[in-house]
């Protein structure tokens, strides 16, 4: 098979996704594989990415010569020059090397590293945004953490290390007692991310001030099984504690989105 392909990788606190697509972006030539993020040691993620990419090549009868390049989008903060992720509590290590180990496994294949939200905003800019929206837009992700990417006057806003739009660490609560994974208190991520919703649910249950019977029933009384998914499901069923958590999540997200819109003057 002589057709050329591009490898794409997405690293998050919960999932690693790897994809192959032909350069014409035809749907029938798009392949994807995902696994839970492996966090055994600092090299686990790069090893996982290489294995998943090779698995996709093998499964579709492609050799490495078919690859034009590999693009990797990762949750930050990043050091683009060194090709590493650093101080990302959701990934679990002070520094995670990506560029060197992947280039060693796939030599002579161009490799590009970018913050995952910057990659996402580029995708929206080129493939989804209306013409009037393209020049100034912000993309916000809310999952394990909260992140963002920004296009300003038609250009991707990067900063010196590619971390210019780490918007989840905008402070939405002064003098907060809730600590973000970044170490600061009162960040948007500390109130509205999936990790925060779970953490605050456990805190509320331990305080025993609000009824959380419906939430506990969903996890058969096992608090360790609670995630944001169960909290939102319990809220829909009328659980008092979960409704409070969801309302807080929405309230602080309103503040966060308002701040970000003012910062970047998006359309």
Foldseek 3Di string as FASTA:
>chain_A
DQFAWEWEWEADLFKIKIWIATPVRDPVRIDMDMDTQDQPDLARRLVVRLVRVVVVCVVVVHDLVRYQAYEYAYAADFQQVQQWHALDVSSPHRIHHHVVVNCVSNPPHHYGYAHNQQVVLVCCLVPNDDPVQNQWDKDWDAEQFIWIWIHHRNHTDAPPRGRPTRLQQDAQDPPAPQADSSGHGRGLRCQAHFNNLLVVLVVCVVVVPFAQVQLCVVVVNDSVPDTLVSLVVSVVVPGGSSVVSVVRNVVSVVVSVVVVCVVRVGD
